[in-house]
Amino acid sequence: MEQKIHQGRNVKRFREMLNIKQEALAFDLGEEWNQKKISMLEQKDVIEDSLLKQISAVLRVPVEAFQNFDEEQAINIISNTFAEHAFSNSFNYGTINFHPIEKMVSLHEEKIELYERMLKEKDEMMVRLEKLINK
């Protein structure tokens, strides 16, 4: 069975997974880039190596991830990494009545925990990516 590798779609997947908007990626790539060009780029099957290297540097994702992942691999990695835990328990308050300041502190602490958990999961995903690439 032939692998369907769509480099543009892989760029889009990793960009979205890292919660980076098209505009932000365009800004990081330089003055000649804008949101519309990023959108067009993400529709391309194949992206020039030099451009992939730039995108790799900006997103901090190995070039090989864009080049080698077929649909199924990319979806599995992303769903396994982020869907499992990222948002479970993040907004679980029940019916407890908090004082507004305490509630704000509690919300802030939960956001920090969520952020730290997502960072840890991103690091774990990068290790898995590197293992897959090195196979």
C-alpha atoms as a PDB file:
ATOM      1  CA  MET A   1       0.000   0.000   0.000  1.00  0.00           C
ATOM      2  CA  GLU A   2       1.347   3.394  -0.996  1.00  0.00           C
ATOM      3  CA  GLN A   3       1.823   5.945   1.767  1.00  0.00           C
ATOM      4  CA  LYS A   4      -0.022   9.204   1.264  1.00  0.00           C
ATOM      5  CA  ILE A   5       2.306  11.857   2.628  1.00  0.00           C
ATOM      6  CA  HIS A   6       0.961  15.374   2.325  1.00  0.00           C
ATOM      7  CA  GLN A   7       3.636  17.752   3.597  1.00  0.00           C
ATOM      8  CA  GLY A   8       1.366  20.796   3.664  1.00  0.00           C
ATOM      9  CA  ARG A   9      -1.225  18.988   5.734  1.00  0.00           C
ATOM     10  CA  ASN A  10       1.514  17.794   8.090  1.00  0.00           C
ATOM     11  CA  VAL A  11       2.695  21.393   8.545  1.00  0.00           C
ATOM     12  CA  LYS A  12      -0.898  22.396   9.310  1.00  0.00           C
ATOM     13  CA  ARG A  13      -1.353  19.539  11.809  1.00  0.00           C
ATOM     14  CA  PHE A  14       1.781  20.359  13.793  1.00  0.00           C
ATOM     15  CA  ARG A  15       1.088  24.106  13.642  1.00  0.00           C
ATOM     16  CA  GLU A  16      -2.427  23.567  15.029  1.00  0.00           C
ATOM     17  CA  MET A  17      -1.241  21.060  17.604  1.00  0.00           C
ATOM     18  CA  LEU A  18       1.238  23.657  18.879  1.00  0.00           C
ATOM     19  CA  ASN A  19      -1.585  26.209  18.895  1.00  0.00           C
ATOM     20  CA  ILE A  20       0.174  28.554  16.454  1.00  0.00           C
ATOM     21  CA  LYS A  21      -2.017  30.600  14.125  1.00  0.00           C
ATOM     22  CA  GLN A  22      -1.266  30.941  10.401  1.00  0.00           C
ATOM     23  CA  GLU A  23      -0.611  34.656  10.942  1.00  0.00           C
ATOM     24  CA  ALA A  24       1.996  33.904  13.624  1.00  0.00           C
ATOM     25  CA  LEU A  25       3.782  31.352  11.429  1.00  0.00           C
ATOM     26  CA  ALA A  26       3.758  33.864   8.551  1.00  0.00           C
ATOM     27  CA  PHE A  27       5.238  36.532  10.819  1.00  0.00           C
ATOM     28  CA  ASP A  28       8.017  34.179  11.956  1.00  0.00           C
ATOM     29  CA  LEU A  29       8.844  33.175   8.368  1.00  0.00           C
ATOM     30  CA  GLY A  30       9.440  36.754   7.285  1.00  0.00           C
ATOM     31  CA  GLU A  31       8.062  39.824   5.546  1.00  0.00           C
ATOM     32  CA  GLU A  32       7.105  38.108   2.276  1.00  0.00           C
ATOM     33  CA  TRP A  33       4.733  35.799   4.168  1.00  0.00           C
ATOM     34  CA  ASN A  34       1.105  36.335   5.168  1.00  0.00           C
ATOM     35  CA  GLN A  35      -1.822  34.233   6.352  1.00  0.00           C
ATOM     36  CA  LYS A  36      -3.049  33.583   2.816  1.00  0.00           C
ATOM     37  CA  LYS A  37       0.364  32.264   1.696  1.00  0.00           C
ATOM     38  CA  ILE A  38       0.484  29.933   4.715  1.00  0.00           C
ATOM     39  CA  SER A  39      -2.994  28.662   3.842  1.00  0.00           C
ATOM     40  CA  MET A  40      -1.860  27.952   0.261  1.00  0.00           C
ATOM     41  CA  LEU A  41       1.348  26.314   1.530  1.00  0.00           C
ATOM     42  CA  GLU A  42      -0.663  23.959   3.738  1.00  0.00           C
ATOM     43  CA  GLN A  43      -2.532  22.713   0.665  1.00  0.00           C
ATOM     44  CA  LYS A  44       0.666  21.632  -1.146  1.00  0.00           C
ATOM     45  CA  ASP A  45       1.582  17.936  -1.336  1.00  0.00           C
ATOM     46  CA  VAL A  46       5.294  18.731  -1.497  1.00  0.00           C
ATOM     47  CA  ILE A  47       7.144  21.707  -0.014  1.00  0.00           C
ATOM     48  CA  GLU A  48      10.690  22.723  -1.023  1.00  0.00           C
ATOM     49  CA  ASP A  49      13.340  21.442   1.414  1.00  0.00           C
ATOM     50  CA  SER A  50      14.714  24.915   2.179  1.00  0.00           C
ATOM     51  CA  LEU A  51      11.250  26.138   3.165  1.00  0.00           C
ATOM     52  CA  LEU A  52      10.568  22.991   5.204  1.00  0.00           C
ATOM     53  CA  LYS A  53      13.802  23.673   7.110  1.00  0.00           C
ATOM     54  CA  GLN A  54      12.608  27.211   7.918  1.00  0.00           C
ATOM     55  CA  ILE A  55       9.224  25.942   9.084  1.00  0.00           C
ATOM     56  CA  SER A  56      10.965  23.224  11.106  1.00  0.00           C
ATOM     57  CA  ALA A  57      13.084  25.849  12.874  1.00  0.00           C
ATOM     58  CA  VAL A  58      10.068  28.056  13.640  1.00  0.00           C
ATOM     59  CA  LEU A  59       7.797  25.243  14.892  1.00  0.00           C
ATOM     60  CA  ARG A  60      10.706  23.281  16.445  1.00  0.00           C
ATOM     61  CA  VAL A  61       9.478  20.109  14.759  1.00  0.00           C
ATOM     62  CA  PRO A  62      11.958  17.868  12.894  1.00  0.00           C
ATOM     63  CA  VAL A  63      11.864  18.310   9.085  1.00  0.00           C
ATOM     64  CA  GLU A  64      11.416  14.534   8.805  1.00  0.00           C
ATOM     65  CA  ALA A  65       8.077  14.778  10.595  1.00  0.00           C
ATOM     66  CA  PHE A  66       6.687  16.849   7.704  1.00  0.00           C
ATOM     67  CA  GLN A  67       8.305  14.600   5.090  1.00  0.00           C
ATOM     68  CA  ASN A  68       7.588  11.135   6.457  1.00  0.00           C
ATOM     69  CA  PHE A  69       4.235  11.099   8.191  1.00  0.00           C
ATOM     70  CA  ASP A  70       1.334   9.653   6.337  1.00  0.00           C
ATOM     71  CA  GLU A  71      -2.234  10.477   7.379  1.00  0.00           C
ATOM     72  CA  GLU A  72      -2.620   7.646   9.847  1.00  0.00           C
ATOM     73  CA  GLN A  73       0.681   8.146  11.697  1.00  0.00           C
ATOM     74  CA  ALA A  74       0.168  11.866  12.121  1.00  0.00           C
ATOM     75  CA  ILE A  75      -3.391  11.462  13.337  1.00  0.00           C
ATOM     76  CA  ASN A  76      -2.403   8.686  15.769  1.00  0.00           C
ATOM     77  CA  ILE A  77       0.474  10.657  17.268  1.00  0.00           C
ATOM     78  CA  ILE A  78      -1.559  13.818  17.651  1.00  0.00           C
ATOM     79  CA  SER A  79      -4.654  12.142  19.050  1.00  0.00           C
ATOM     80  CA  ASN A  80      -2.670   9.910  21.413  1.00  0.00           C
ATOM     81  CA  THR A  81      -0.646  12.813  22.714  1.00  0.00           C
ATOM     82  CA  PHE A  82      -3.229  15.506  23.140  1.00  0.00           C
ATOM     83  CA  ALA A  83      -6.675  13.939  23.310  1.00  0.00           C
ATOM     84  CA  GLU A  84      -5.989  11.587  26.204  1.00  0.00           C
ATOM     85  CA  HIS A  85      -5.368  14.065  28.985  1.00  0.00           C
ATOM     86  CA  ALA A  86      -5.060  17.617  27.780  1.00  0.00           C
ATOM     87  CA  PHE A  87      -8.465  18.857  28.834  1.00  0.00           C
ATOM     88  CA  SER A  88      -9.695  16.275  31.291  1.00  0.00           C
ATOM     89  CA  ASN A  89     -10.370  17.820  34.677  1.00  0.00           C
ATOM     90  CA  SER A  90      -9.414  21.282  33.484  1.00  0.00           C
ATOM     91  CA  PHE A  91     -12.761  22.896  34.289  1.00  0.00           C
ATOM     92  CA  ASN A  92     -14.090  20.744  37.105  1.00  0.00           C
ATOM     93  CA  TYR A  93     -15.468  23.030  39.799  1.00  0.00           C
ATOM     94  CA  GLY A  94     -18.700  21.387  40.892  1.00  0.00           C
ATOM     95  CA  THR A  95     -21.030  23.669  42.812  1.00  0.00           C
ATOM     96  CA  ILE A  96     -18.632  25.033  45.411  1.00  0.00           C
ATOM     97  CA  ASN A  97     -19.071  28.761  46.051  1.00  0.00           C
ATOM     98  CA  PHE A  98     -15.671  30.423  45.944  1.00  0.00           C
ATOM     99  CA  HIS A  99     -14.839  33.915  47.034  1.00  0.00           C
ATOM    100  CA  PRO A 100     -14.054  35.732  43.700  1.00  0.00           C
ATOM    101  CA  ILE A 101     -10.327  36.164  44.500  1.00  0.00           C
ATOM    102  CA  GLU A 102      -9.989  32.535  45.587  1.00  0.00           C
ATOM    103  CA  LYS A 103     -11.783  31.484  42.414  1.00  0.00           C
ATOM    104  CA  MET A 104      -9.370  33.548  40.286  1.00  0.00           C
ATOM    105  CA  VAL A 105      -6.360  32.025  42.065  1.00  0.00           C
ATOM    106  CA  SER A 106      -7.834  28.554  41.644  1.00  0.00           C
ATOM    107  CA  LEU A 107      -8.462  29.181  37.920  1.00  0.00           C
ATOM    108  CA  HIS A 108      -4.940  30.510  37.512  1.00  0.00           C
ATOM    109  CA  GLU A 109      -3.420  27.472  39.243  1.00  0.00           C
ATOM    110  CA  GLU A 110      -5.461  25.109  37.052  1.00  0.00           C
ATOM    111  CA  LYS A 111      -4.326  26.946  33.929  1.00  0.00           C
ATOM    112  CA  ILE A 112      -0.693  26.591  35.026  1.00  0.00           C
ATOM    113  CA  GLU A 113      -1.204  22.870  35.705  1.00  0.00           C
ATOM    114  CA  LEU A 114      -2.877  22.409  32.313  1.00  0.00           C
ATOM    115  CA  TYR A 115      -0.072  24.303  30.579  1.00  0.00           C
ATOM    116  CA  GLU A 116       2.604  22.241  32.353  1.00  0.00           C
ATOM    117  CA  ARG A 117       0.770  19.015  31.488  1.00  0.00           C
ATOM    118  CA  MET A 118       0.512  20.034  27.826  1.00  0.00           C
ATOM    119  CA  LEU A 119       4.231  20.936  27.732  1.00  0.00           C
ATOM    120  CA  LYS A 120       5.115  17.557  29.240  1.00  0.00           C
ATOM    121  CA  GLU A 121       2.897  15.803  26.696  1.00  0.00           C
ATOM    122  CA  LYS A 122       4.489  17.807  23.864  1.00  0.00           C
ATOM    123  CA  ASP A 123       7.940  16.679  25.074  1.00  0.00           C
ATOM    124  CA  GLU A 124       6.752  13.066  25.211  1.00  0.00           C
ATOM    125  CA  MET A 125       5.336  13.419  21.699  1.00  0.00           C
ATOM    126  CA  MET A 126       8.664  14.773  20.415  1.00  0.00           C
ATOM    127  CA  VAL A 127      10.454  11.715  21.856  1.00  0.00           C
ATOM    128  CA  ARG A 128       7.935   9.459  20.088  1.00  0.00           C
ATOM    129  CA  LEU A 129       8.412  11.411  16.859  1.00  0.00           C
ATOM    130  CA  GLU A 130      12.174  11.015  17.041  1.00  0.00           C
ATOM    131  CA  LYS A 131      11.810   7.264  17.654  1.00  0.00           C
ATOM    132  CA  LEU A 132       9.489   6.951  14.639  1.00  0.00           C
ATOM    133  CA  ILE A 133      11.832   8.987  12.458  1.00  0.00           C
ATOM    134  CA  ASN A 134      14.842   6.918  13.468  1.00  0.00           C
ATOM    135  CA  LYS A 135      13.146   3.569  12.676  1.00  0.00           C
END
